[in-house]
Amino acid sequence: MTVNPPPSGAASMERITARFLRMLSITLEQLDAVRDADARAEFGGLTARAGVLEQETNALEREIEDACLDAFAAPLSPDELAFHLVVFRSLTNLERVGDYALKLARDLEHFAPRARSATLQDVRPLVRLLSQMLERLAYAFAERNVDAAREVMRLDYEQVDALYEQMQRASLTRLLERPEDTEVALTAGQIARNLERLGDHLVNVAERLEALVLGKMSGHEAVDRSTLRP
C-alpha cells in the first residue's frame, strides 16, 4: 500500500490557514445569527442554528490538529515550525470561542422572551464589538498584519471590558430593584461573562500572531514533539 507523504511545510501552511480562517468565520456567522434574531425579535431556532455551526468548528479543530501533528513529524523551516506552533496552541482558544457563541445563542433563546428590552440592548454593543474583533483577527491572520492584531487587543481592553463591567452593574441594579426578576438578572450576568471570555480568547490568538509576525516566536522555541500527539 502506498502511503502519501505529508504535505510540505508551505503547502501545510496554506491548507491550515484556509481552515483556521473558516473557524473564525463560523463564530462570526454565529454572532451574525444572534444579531439577526435580535433585529427580528425572533429567537426561536437560534440554538439549533448555532449548534450546527459548532459541529463544523469541532470537525475543523480535529482536522487542523491532525495537520499540525503531521507537519511536526516532517522537516520544517524555523518560520514554518513557528507558524504551526501558533496555530496548534490557538486551537483551544478558537474551540472555546465557538463554545461561548453557542452558549450565547442558547441563553438568548431561553432568556429573550422574558427579558426587558433594556437588558437586550446591553448585549448588542458587545456582540457588535466581538464581531468586529473577529473580522480584524481574520484579516490579521490572513495578511500577517500586526496592526490588525493589535486592534483586536485594543478593542478588548478599551471597549469590551468596559461594556462587560457596565452590563454587570446593570444586572446587579435590576436584581436589587426587581427581586422577582432574579433569574433574568443572573442570566444577563452570565451572558456578559461569556461574551467577555470570548473576547479574551480572541486576544490570546492575536497576541500569538503578533509574536509570530514580529519574529518573537522562534521556530527553535523549545518543544518536545513526542508530547504533541495524545
Protein backbone atom coordinates (compact mmCIF):
# COMPACT_ATOMS: atom_id res chain seq x y z
CA MET A 1 0.00 0.00 0.00
CA THR A 2 1.33 3.39 -0.98
CA VAL A 3 1.42 5.96 1.82
CA ASN A 4 1.22 9.55 0.71
CA PRO A 5 3.90 11.71 2.30
CA PRO A 6 2.75 14.66 4.41
CA PRO A 7 2.48 17.95 2.51
CA SER A 8 5.44 20.30 2.51
CA GLY A 9 5.62 22.98 5.17
CA ALA A 10 4.44 25.67 2.76
CA ALA A 11 1.56 23.55 1.47
CA SER A 12 0.56 22.67 5.02
CA MET A 13 0.56 26.35 5.98
CA GLU A 14 -1.70 27.23 3.06
CA ARG A 15 -4.17 24.48 3.87
CA ILE A 16 -4.20 25.22 7.59
CA THR A 17 -4.61 28.97 7.01
CA ALA A 18 -7.78 28.39 4.99
CA ARG A 19 -9.28 26.14 7.66
CA PHE A 20 -8.21 28.41 10.52
CA LEU A 21 -9.93 31.34 8.81
CA ARG A 22 -13.04 29.21 8.37
CA MET A 23 -13.11 28.58 12.13
CA LEU A 24 -13.09 32.33 12.71
CA SER A 25 -15.81 32.88 10.12
CA ILE A 26 -18.04 30.26 11.76
CA THR A 27 -18.06 32.19 15.03
CA LEU A 28 -18.80 35.34 13.08
CA GLU A 29 -21.77 33.54 11.50
CA GLN A 30 -22.96 32.52 14.96
CA LEU A 31 -22.84 36.12 16.16
CA ASP A 32 -24.49 37.32 12.95
CA ALA A 33 -27.32 34.85 13.63
CA VAL A 34 -27.72 36.37 17.10
CA ARG A 35 -27.86 39.88 15.66
CA ASP A 36 -30.37 38.84 13.02
CA ALA A 37 -32.59 37.17 15.62
CA ASP A 38 -32.40 40.29 17.76
CA ALA A 39 -33.30 42.53 14.81
CA ARG A 40 -36.33 40.37 14.02
CA ALA A 41 -37.19 39.85 17.72
CA GLU A 42 -37.45 36.16 16.90
CA PHE A 43 -35.05 33.88 18.78
CA GLY A 44 -36.68 30.52 18.09
CA GLY A 45 -34.28 28.04 16.48
CA LEU A 46 -31.21 30.13 17.32
CA THR A 47 -29.62 27.36 19.40
CA ALA A 48 -30.10 24.79 16.65
CA ARG A 49 -28.50 27.08 14.05
CA ALA A 50 -25.53 27.84 16.30
CA GLY A 51 -25.20 24.15 17.16
CA VAL A 52 -24.84 23.14 13.51
CA LEU A 53 -22.06 25.69 13.10
CA GLU A 54 -20.41 24.46 16.31
CA GLN A 55 -20.26 20.93 14.90
CA GLU A 56 -18.34 22.28 11.91
CA THR A 57 -15.99 24.09 14.29
CA ASN A 58 -15.27 20.87 16.17
CA ALA A 59 -14.60 18.99 12.94
CA LEU A 60 -12.22 21.70 11.74
CA GLU A 61 -10.41 21.70 15.07
CA ARG A 62 -9.69 17.98 14.72
CA GLU A 63 -8.64 18.38 11.09
CA ILE A 64 -6.25 21.25 11.85
CA GLU A 65 -4.81 19.45 14.87
CA ASP A 66 -4.05 16.38 12.75
CA ALA A 67 -2.50 18.57 10.04
CA CYS A 68 -0.25 20.28 12.58
CA LEU A 69 0.83 16.97 14.08
CA ASP A 70 1.65 15.63 10.62
CA ALA A 71 3.67 18.77 9.92
CA PHE A 72 5.60 18.42 13.18
CA ALA A 73 6.72 14.97 12.02
CA ALA A 74 8.21 16.42 8.83
CA PRO A 75 11.20 18.71 8.27
CA LEU A 76 10.14 22.33 8.78
CA SER A 77 11.97 25.61 8.50
CA PRO A 78 12.05 27.74 11.68
CA ASP A 79 9.33 30.02 10.28
CA GLU A 80 7.16 27.07 9.29
CA LEU A 81 7.57 25.50 12.72
CA ALA A 82 6.68 28.78 14.42
CA PHE A 83 3.52 29.09 12.31
CA HIS A 84 2.34 25.58 13.11
CA LEU A 85 3.02 26.10 16.81
CA VAL A 86 0.94 29.29 16.84
CA VAL A 87 -1.97 27.55 15.15
CA PHE A 88 -1.70 24.42 17.28
CA ARG A 89 -1.69 26.43 20.50
CA SER A 90 -4.58 28.61 19.30
CA LEU A 91 -6.95 25.75 18.52
CA THR A 92 -8.20 25.52 22.08
CA ASN A 93 -8.90 29.26 22.05
CA LEU A 94 -10.96 29.02 18.87
CA GLU A 95 -12.82 25.98 20.16
CA ARG A 96 -13.71 27.92 23.33
CA VAL A 97 -14.76 30.92 21.24
CA GLY A 98 -17.24 28.66 19.44
CA ASP A 99 -18.47 27.25 22.75
CA TYR A 100 -19.18 30.72 24.10
CA ALA A 101 -21.01 31.72 20.92
CA LEU A 102 -23.18 28.62 21.28
CA LYS A 103 -23.87 29.43 24.93
CA LEU A 104 -24.88 32.94 23.91
CA ALA A 105 -27.38 31.58 21.39
CA ARG A 106 -28.78 29.11 23.92
CA ASP A 107 -29.11 31.68 26.68
CA LEU A 108 -30.73 34.25 24.43
CA GLU A 109 -33.26 31.81 23.01
CA HIS A 110 -34.29 30.92 26.56
CA PHE A 111 -33.88 34.40 28.00
CA ALA A 112 -35.13 36.86 25.38
CA PRO A 113 -38.89 36.19 25.69
CA ARG A 114 -38.74 37.10 29.40
CA ALA A 115 -36.17 39.89 29.24
CA ARG A 116 -36.86 43.58 29.11
CA SER A 117 -35.69 45.45 26.03
CA ALA A 118 -33.15 47.39 28.10
CA THR A 119 -31.42 44.15 29.05
CA LEU A 120 -31.13 43.03 25.43
CA GLN A 121 -29.81 46.45 24.46
CA ASP A 122 -26.88 45.84 26.79
CA VAL A 123 -25.93 42.72 24.83
CA ARG A 124 -25.96 44.32 21.38
CA PRO A 125 -22.83 46.53 21.68
CA LEU A 126 -20.79 43.61 22.99
CA VAL A 127 -21.88 41.36 20.13
CA ARG A 128 -21.05 44.08 17.59
CA LEU A 129 -17.60 44.61 19.09
CA LEU A 130 -16.81 40.91 19.16
CA SER A 131 -17.88 40.60 15.52
CA GLN A 132 -15.51 43.46 14.69
CA MET A 133 -12.71 41.74 16.61
CA LEU A 134 -13.28 38.51 14.70
CA GLU A 135 -13.13 40.34 11.37
CA ARG A 136 -9.90 42.11 12.33
CA LEU A 137 -8.35 38.91 13.64
CA ALA A 138 -9.17 37.09 10.40
CA TYR A 139 -7.55 39.91 8.42
CA ALA A 140 -4.53 39.92 10.73
CA PHE A 141 -4.06 36.18 10.33
CA ALA A 142 -4.56 36.14 6.56
CA GLU A 143 -2.26 39.11 5.94
CA ARG A 144 0.11 38.65 8.90
CA ASN A 145 -0.83 42.21 9.86
CA VAL A 146 0.43 43.33 13.27
CA ASP A 147 -1.67 46.50 13.38
CA ALA A 148 -4.86 44.49 12.91
CA ALA A 149 -3.80 42.05 15.63
CA ARG A 150 -3.14 44.94 17.98
CA GLU A 151 -6.53 46.43 17.15
CA VAL A 152 -8.13 43.21 18.39
CA MET A 153 -6.31 43.68 21.70
CA ARG A 154 -7.20 47.36 21.92
CA LEU A 155 -10.89 46.75 21.28
CA ASP A 156 -10.93 44.21 24.06
CA TYR A 157 -9.02 46.27 26.63
CA GLU A 158 -10.68 49.60 25.88
CA GLN A 159 -14.24 48.66 24.99
CA VAL A 160 -15.23 45.05 25.63
CA ASP A 161 -14.04 45.10 29.25
CA ALA A 162 -15.81 48.42 29.89
CA LEU A 163 -19.07 47.17 28.38
CA TYR A 164 -18.78 43.96 30.37
CA GLU A 165 -18.47 45.90 33.63
CA GLN A 166 -21.37 48.14 32.60
CA MET A 167 -23.58 45.14 31.88
CA GLN A 168 -22.66 43.52 35.19
CA ARG A 169 -23.55 46.69 37.08
CA ALA A 170 -26.85 46.93 35.22
CA SER A 171 -27.66 43.31 36.07
CA LEU A 172 -26.92 43.93 39.73
CA THR A 173 -29.08 47.05 39.74
CA ARG A 174 -32.00 45.17 38.20
CA LEU A 175 -31.54 42.37 40.70
CA LEU A 176 -31.77 44.82 43.59
CA GLU A 177 -34.67 46.78 42.14
CA ARG A 178 -36.73 43.80 40.96
CA PRO A 179 -36.02 40.69 43.08
CA GLU A 180 -38.74 38.84 41.17
CA ASP A 181 -36.51 39.03 38.08
CA THR A 182 -33.63 37.20 39.74
CA GLU A 183 -33.29 34.53 37.05
CA VAL A 184 -33.28 37.11 34.26
CA ALA A 185 -30.68 39.24 36.04
CA LEU A 186 -28.43 36.25 36.70
CA THR A 187 -28.73 35.07 33.10
CA ALA A 188 -27.82 38.56 31.88
CA GLY A 189 -24.72 38.45 34.06
CA GLN A 190 -23.81 35.02 32.70
CA ILE A 191 -24.19 36.28 29.12
CA ALA A 192 -21.91 39.20 29.91
CA ARG A 193 -19.24 36.89 31.38
CA ASN A 194 -19.38 34.55 28.40
CA LEU A 195 -19.00 37.42 25.93
CA GLU A 196 -16.09 38.88 27.90
CA ARG A 197 -14.35 35.50 27.93
CA LEU A 198 -14.96 35.07 24.21
CA GLY A 199 -13.06 38.32 23.71
CA ASP A 200 -10.23 37.12 25.94
CA HIS A 201 -9.70 34.06 23.75
CA LEU A 202 -9.54 36.23 20.64
CA VAL A 203 -6.91 38.37 22.35
CA ASN A 204 -4.85 35.26 23.14
CA VAL A 205 -4.76 34.37 19.45
CA ALA A 206 -3.95 37.98 18.47
CA GLU A 207 -1.04 38.06 20.93
CA ARG A 208 0.44 34.86 19.48
CA LEU A 209 0.01 36.21 15.97
CA GLU A 210 1.78 39.43 16.90
CA ALA A 211 4.70 37.43 18.30
CA LEU A 212 4.83 35.31 15.15
CA VAL A 213 4.89 38.29 12.76
CA LEU A 214 7.46 40.17 14.81
CA GLY A 215 9.68 37.11 15.00
CA LYS A 216 9.39 36.82 18.75
CA MET A 217 8.13 33.26 18.43
CA SER A 218 11.06 31.32 17.11
CA GLY A 219 10.91 28.03 15.35
CA HIS A 220 13.71 27.00 17.70
CA GLU A 221 11.42 27.55 20.68
CA ALA A 222 11.71 24.56 22.96
CA VAL A 223 9.16 21.90 22.02
CA ASP A 224 9.11 18.21 22.80
CA ARG A 225 7.43 16.79 19.73
CA SER A 226 6.83 13.45 21.43
CA THR A 227 4.29 15.16 23.70
CA LEU A 228 2.27 16.76 20.91
CA ARG A 229 0.31 13.68 19.88
CA PRO A 230 -2.07 12.36 22.56
